[in-house]
């Protein structure tokens, strides 16, 4: 199991909707974007990731 070192609640606009997501910075090599059945979105990113690059992927 990968331990999260920090977590941030964030959101972005998609059309007229605002989508909230949880962003975790962890000791990993790639970006993970998970959309759960209850419509929650969880993003796990490497520790050294730039937030603007993460937002582009989302």
PDB file of N, CA and C in Angstrom:
ATOM      1  N   UNK A   1       0.839  -1.180   0.000  1.00  0.00           N
ATOM      2  CA  UNK A   1       0.000   0.000   0.000  1.00  0.00           C
ATOM      3  C   UNK A   1       0.887   1.248   0.000  1.00  0.00           C
ATOM      4  N   UNK A   2       0.534   2.229  -0.827  1.00  0.00           N
ATOM      5  CA  UNK A   2       1.304   3.464  -0.931  1.00  0.00           C
ATOM      6  C   UNK A   2       0.767   4.470   0.073  1.00  0.00           C
ATOM      7  N   UNK A   3       1.652   5.034   0.867  1.00  0.00           N
ATOM      8  CA  UNK A   3       1.278   6.029   1.859  1.00  0.00           C
ATOM      9  C   UNK A   3       1.213   7.415   1.213  1.00  0.00           C
ATOM     10  N   UNK A   4       0.167   8.157   1.478  1.00  0.00           N
ATOM     11  CA  UNK A   4       0.057   9.534   0.996  1.00  0.00           C
ATOM     12  C   UNK A   4       0.866  10.440   1.906  1.00  0.00           C
ATOM     13  N   UNK A   5       1.622  11.341   1.308  1.00  0.00           N
ATOM     14  CA  UNK A   5       2.389  12.281   2.115  1.00  0.00           C
ATOM     15  C   UNK A   5       1.652  13.601   2.300  1.00  0.00           C
ATOM     16  N   UNK A   6       0.763  13.932   1.386  1.00  0.00           N
ATOM     17  CA  UNK A   6      -0.077  15.115   1.558  1.00  0.00           C
ATOM     18  C   UNK A   6      -1.335  14.960   0.722  1.00  0.00           C
ATOM     19  N   UNK A   7      -2.405  15.645   1.145  1.00  0.00           N
ATOM     20  CA  UNK A   7      -3.672  15.571   0.442  1.00  0.00           C
ATOM     21  C   UNK A   7      -4.246  16.973   0.339  1.00  0.00           C
ATOM     22  N   UNK A   8      -4.888  17.245  -0.793  1.00  0.00           N
ATOM     23  CA  UNK A   8      -5.454  18.563  -1.041  1.00  0.00           C
ATOM     24  C   UNK A   8      -6.812  18.379  -1.702  1.00  0.00           C
ATOM     25  N   UNK A   9      -7.827  19.089  -1.241  1.00  0.00           N
ATOM     26  CA  UNK A   9      -9.135  19.102  -1.896  1.00  0.00           C
ATOM     27  C   UNK A   9      -9.100  20.192  -2.955  1.00  0.00           C
ATOM     28  N   UNK A  10      -9.443  19.855  -4.192  1.00  0.00           N
ATOM     29  CA  UNK A  10      -9.387  20.804  -5.305  1.00  0.00           C
ATOM     30  C   UNK A  10     -10.633  20.636  -6.162  1.00  0.00           C
ATOM     31  N   UNK A  11     -10.789  21.504  -7.151  1.00  0.00           N
ATOM     32  CA  UNK A  11     -11.903  21.378  -8.083  1.00  0.00           C
ATOM     33  C   UNK A  11     -11.509  21.982  -9.423  1.00  0.00           C
ATOM     34  N   UNK A  12     -12.278  21.603 -10.456  1.00  0.00           N
ATOM     35  CA  UNK A  12     -12.079  22.178 -11.786  1.00  0.00           C
ATOM     36  C   UNK A  12     -13.432  22.280 -12.472  1.00  0.00           C
ATOM     37  N   UNK A  13     -13.511  23.137 -13.469  1.00  0.00           N
ATOM     38  CA  UNK A  13     -14.750  23.321 -14.216  1.00  0.00           C
ATOM     39  C   UNK A  13     -14.703  22.496 -15.486  1.00  0.00           C
ATOM     40  N   UNK A  14     -15.823  21.853 -15.777  1.00  0.00           N
ATOM     41  CA  UNK A  14     -15.988  21.096 -17.011  1.00  0.00           C
ATOM     42  C   UNK A  14     -17.340  21.500 -17.569  1.00  0.00           C
ATOM     43  N   UNK A  15     -17.320  22.353 -18.579  1.00  0.00           N
ATOM     44  CA  UNK A  15     -18.565  22.919 -19.075  1.00  0.00           C
ATOM     45  C   UNK A  15     -19.163  23.790 -17.993  1.00  0.00           C
ATOM     46  N   UNK A  16     -20.398  23.500 -17.611  1.00  0.00           N
ATOM     47  CA  UNK A  16     -21.055  24.265 -16.552  1.00  0.00           C
ATOM     48  C   UNK A  16     -20.975  23.568 -15.206  1.00  0.00           C
ATOM     49  N   UNK A  17     -20.289  22.431 -15.145  1.00  0.00           N
ATOM     50  CA  UNK A  17     -20.165  21.677 -13.891  1.00  0.00           C
ATOM     51  C   UNK A  17     -18.844  21.971 -13.205  1.00  0.00           C
ATOM     52  N   UNK A  18     -18.874  21.957 -11.897  1.00  0.00           N
ATOM     53  CA  UNK A  18     -17.656  22.020 -11.099  1.00  0.00           C
ATOM     54  C   UNK A  18     -17.452  20.630 -10.506  1.00  0.00           C
ATOM     55  N   UNK A  19     -16.298  20.060 -10.758  1.00  0.00           N
ATOM     56  CA  UNK A  19     -15.993  18.710 -10.276  1.00  0.00           C
ATOM     57  C   UNK A  19     -14.932  18.807  -9.187  1.00  0.00           C
ATOM     58  N   UNK A  20     -15.281  18.318  -8.011  1.00  0.00           N
ATOM     59  CA  UNK A  20     -14.358  18.296  -6.877  1.00  0.00           C
ATOM     60  C   UNK A  20     -13.529  17.014  -6.943  1.00  0.00           C
ATOM     61  N   UNK A  21     -12.283  17.105  -6.502  1.00  0.00           N
ATOM     62  CA  UNK A  21     -11.445  15.910  -6.437  1.00  0.00           C
ATOM     63  C   UNK A  21     -10.455  16.028  -5.295  1.00  0.00           C
ATOM     64  N   UNK A  22      -9.983  14.881  -4.851  1.00  0.00           N
ATOM     65  CA  UNK A  22      -8.951  14.818  -3.813  1.00  0.00           C
ATOM     66  C   UNK A  22      -7.629  14.524  -4.498  1.00  0.00           C
ATOM     67  N   UNK A  23      -6.629  15.321  -4.187  1.00  0.00           N
ATOM     68  CA  UNK A  23      -5.303  15.159  -4.787  1.00  0.00           C
ATOM     69  C   UNK A  23      -4.342  14.695  -3.697  1.00  0.00           C
ATOM     70  N   UNK A  24      -3.732  13.540  -3.936  1.00  0.00           N
ATOM     71  CA  UNK A  24      -2.748  12.981  -3.017  1.00  0.00           C
ATOM     72  C   UNK A  24      -1.385  12.980  -3.696  1.00  0.00           C
ATOM     73  N   UNK A  25      -0.371  13.488  -3.023  1.00  0.00           N
ATOM     74  CA  UNK A  25       1.005  13.372  -3.494  1.00  0.00           C
ATOM     75  C   UNK A  25       1.626  12.196  -2.757  1.00  0.00           C
ATOM     76  N   UNK A  26       2.094  11.223  -3.517  1.00  0.00           N
ATOM     77  CA  UNK A  26       2.613   9.995  -2.925  1.00  0.00           C
ATOM     78  C   UNK A  26       3.943   9.608  -3.561  1.00  0.00           C
ATOM     79  N   UNK A  27       4.590   8.652  -2.948  1.00  0.00           N
ATOM     80  CA  UNK A  27       5.851   8.124  -3.468  1.00  0.00           C
ATOM     81  C   UNK A  27       5.528   7.101  -4.553  1.00  0.00           C
ATOM     82  N   UNK A  28       5.278   7.597  -5.763  1.00  0.00           N
ATOM     83  CA  UNK A  28       4.922   6.754  -6.907  1.00  0.00           C
ATOM     84  C   UNK A  28       5.547   7.335  -8.163  1.00  0.00           C
ATOM     85  N   UNK A  29       5.476   6.610  -9.270  1.00  0.00           N
ATOM     86  CA  UNK A  29       6.129   7.052 -10.510  1.00  0.00           C
ATOM     87  C   UNK A  29       5.175   7.608 -11.552  1.00  0.00           C
ATOM     88  N   UNK A  30       3.885   7.314 -11.430  1.00  0.00           N
ATOM     89  CA  UNK A  30       2.941   7.757 -12.451  1.00  0.00           C
ATOM     90  C   UNK A  30       1.702   8.382 -11.817  1.00  0.00           C
ATOM     91  N   UNK A  31       0.924   9.064 -12.650  1.00  0.00           N
ATOM     92  CA  UNK A  31      -0.294   9.729 -12.208  1.00  0.00           C
ATOM     93  C   UNK A  31      -1.458   8.745 -12.291  1.00  0.00           C
ATOM     94  N   UNK A  32      -2.298   8.740 -11.270  1.00  0.00           N
ATOM     95  CA  UNK A  32      -3.502   7.911 -11.264  1.00  0.00           C
ATOM     96  C   UNK A  32      -4.707   8.820 -11.094  1.00  0.00           C
ATOM     97  N   UNK A  33      -5.701   8.652 -11.962  1.00  0.00           N
ATOM     98  CA  UNK A  33      -6.967   9.362 -11.837  1.00  0.00           C
ATOM     99  C   UNK A  33      -8.047   8.298 -11.735  1.00  0.00           C
ATOM    100  N   UNK A  34      -8.752   8.273 -10.606  1.00  0.00           N
ATOM    101  CA  UNK A  34      -9.791   7.271 -10.382  1.00  0.00           C
ATOM    102  C   UNK A  34     -11.130   7.955 -10.164  1.00  0.00           C
ATOM    103  N   UNK A  35     -12.146   7.480 -10.898  1.00  0.00           N
ATOM    104  CA  UNK A  35     -13.510   7.953 -10.718  1.00  0.00           C
ATOM    105  C   UNK A  35     -14.293   6.790 -10.121  1.00  0.00           C
ATOM    106  N   UNK A  36     -14.802   6.991  -8.925  1.00  0.00           N
ATOM    107  CA  UNK A  36     -15.485   5.930  -8.196  1.00  0.00           C
ATOM    108  C   UNK A  36     -16.974   5.903  -8.532  1.00  0.00           C
ATOM    109  N   UNK A  37     -17.658   4.785  -8.241  1.00  0.00           N
ATOM    110  CA  UNK A  37     -19.093   4.671  -8.564  1.00  0.00           C
ATOM    111  C   UNK A  37     -19.960   5.768  -7.959  1.00  0.00           C
ATOM    112  N   UNK A  38     -19.539   6.331  -6.828  1.00  0.00           N
ATOM    113  CA  UNK A  38     -20.320   7.416  -6.219  1.00  0.00           C
ATOM    114  C   UNK A  38     -19.959   8.787  -6.793  1.00  0.00           C
ATOM    115  N   UNK A  39     -19.206   8.803  -7.900  1.00  0.00           N
ATOM    116  CA  UNK A  39     -18.785  10.000  -8.643  1.00  0.00           C
ATOM    117  C   UNK A  39     -17.673  10.796  -7.962  1.00  0.00           C
ATOM    118  N   UNK A  40     -17.075  10.274  -6.900  1.00  0.00           N
ATOM    119  CA  UNK A  40     -15.921  10.960  -6.322  1.00  0.00           C
ATOM    120  C   UNK A  40     -14.708  10.718  -7.208  1.00  0.00           C
ATOM    121  N   UNK A  41     -13.831  11.703  -7.267  1.00  0.00           N
ATOM    122  CA  UNK A  41     -12.634  11.621  -8.089  1.00  0.00           C
ATOM    123  C   UNK A  41     -11.425  11.724  -7.165  1.00  0.00           C
ATOM    124  N   UNK A  42     -10.488  10.781  -7.332  1.00  0.00           N
ATOM    125  CA  UNK A  42      -9.267  10.751  -6.539  1.00  0.00           C
ATOM    126  C   UNK A  42      -8.084  10.741  -7.495  1.00  0.00           C
ATOM    127  N   UNK A  43      -7.160  11.666  -7.271  1.00  0.00           N
ATOM    128  CA  UNK A  43      -5.955  11.765  -8.098  1.00  0.00           C
ATOM    129  C   UNK A  43      -4.752  11.499  -7.204  1.00  0.00           C
ATOM    130  N   UNK A  44      -3.893  10.577  -7.642  1.00  0.00           N
ATOM    131  CA  UNK A  44      -2.644  10.302  -6.925  1.00  0.00           C
ATOM    132  C   UNK A  44      -1.500  10.664  -7.863  1.00  0.00           C
ATOM    133  N   UNK A  45      -0.598  11.518  -7.372  1.00  0.00           N
ATOM    134  CA  UNK A  45       0.480  12.041  -8.207  1.00  0.00           C
ATOM    135  C   UNK A  45       1.831  11.829  -7.526  1.00  0.00           C
ATOM    136  N   UNK A  46       2.901  11.704  -8.332  1.00  0.00           N
ATOM    137  CA  UNK A  46       4.246  11.612  -7.744  1.00  0.00           C
ATOM    138  C   UNK A  46       4.573  12.867  -6.937  1.00  0.00           C
ATOM    139  N   UNK A  47       5.438  12.704  -5.958  1.00  0.00           N
ATOM    140  CA  UNK A  47       5.795  13.799  -5.053  1.00  0.00           C
ATOM    141  C   UNK A  47       6.276  15.049  -5.770  1.00  0.00           C
ATOM    142  N   UNK A  48       7.028  14.899  -6.851  1.00  0.00           N
ATOM    143  CA  UNK A  48       7.631  16.045  -7.531  1.00  0.00           C
ATOM    144  C   UNK A  48       6.781  16.589  -8.684  1.00  0.00           C
ATOM    145  N   UNK A  49       5.504  16.222  -8.730  1.00  0.00           N
ATOM    146  CA  UNK A  49       4.629  16.655  -9.829  1.00  0.00           C
ATOM    147  C   UNK A  49       4.304  18.132  -9.745  1.00  0.00           C
ATOM    148  N   UNK A  50       4.216  18.755 -10.912  1.00  0.00           N
ATOM    149  CA  UNK A  50       3.813  20.152 -11.028  1.00  0.00           C
ATOM    150  C   UNK A  50       2.297  20.206 -11.139  1.00  0.00           C
ATOM    151  N   UNK A  51       1.655  21.043 -10.333  1.00  0.00           N
ATOM    152  CA  UNK A  51       0.204  21.107 -10.301  1.00  0.00           C
ATOM    153  C   UNK A  51      -0.395  21.469 -11.662  1.00  0.00           C
ATOM    154  N   UNK A  52       0.269  22.301 -12.434  1.00  0.00           N
ATOM    155  CA  UNK A  52      -0.278  22.677 -13.750  1.00  0.00           C
ATOM    156  C   UNK A  52      -0.293  21.476 -14.697  1.00  0.00           C
ATOM    157  N   UNK A  53       0.689  20.596 -14.592  1.00  0.00           N
ATOM    158  CA  UNK A  53       0.694  19.394 -15.430  1.00  0.00           C
ATOM    159  C   UNK A  53      -0.385  18.404 -14.987  1.00  0.00           C
ATOM    160  N   UNK A  54      -0.603  18.329 -13.690  1.00  0.00           N
ATOM    161  CA  UNK A  54      -1.675  17.459 -13.172  1.00  0.00           C
ATOM    162  C   UNK A  54      -3.017  17.956 -13.684  1.00  0.00           C
ATOM    163  N   UNK A  55      -3.247  19.257 -13.602  1.00  0.00           N
ATOM    164  CA  UNK A  55      -4.513  19.824 -14.050  1.00  0.00           C
ATOM    165  C   UNK A  55      -4.730  19.634 -15.544  1.00  0.00           C
ATOM    166  N   UNK A  56      -3.671  19.672 -16.332  1.00  0.00           N
ATOM    167  CA  UNK A  56      -3.796  19.403 -17.779  1.00  0.00           C
ATOM    168  C   UNK A  56      -4.292  17.992 -18.027  1.00  0.00           C
ATOM    169  N   UNK A  57      -3.770  17.031 -17.262  1.00  0.00           N
ATOM    170  CA  UNK A  57      -4.171  15.625 -17.421  1.00  0.00           C
ATOM    171  C   UNK A  57      -5.616  15.409 -17.016  1.00  0.00           C
ATOM    172  N   UNK A  58      -6.034  16.105 -15.975  1.00  0.00           N
ATOM    173  CA  UNK A  58      -7.412  15.952 -15.512  1.00  0.00           C
ATOM    174  C   UNK A  58      -8.364  16.527 -16.544  1.00  0.00           C
TER     175      UNK A  58
END
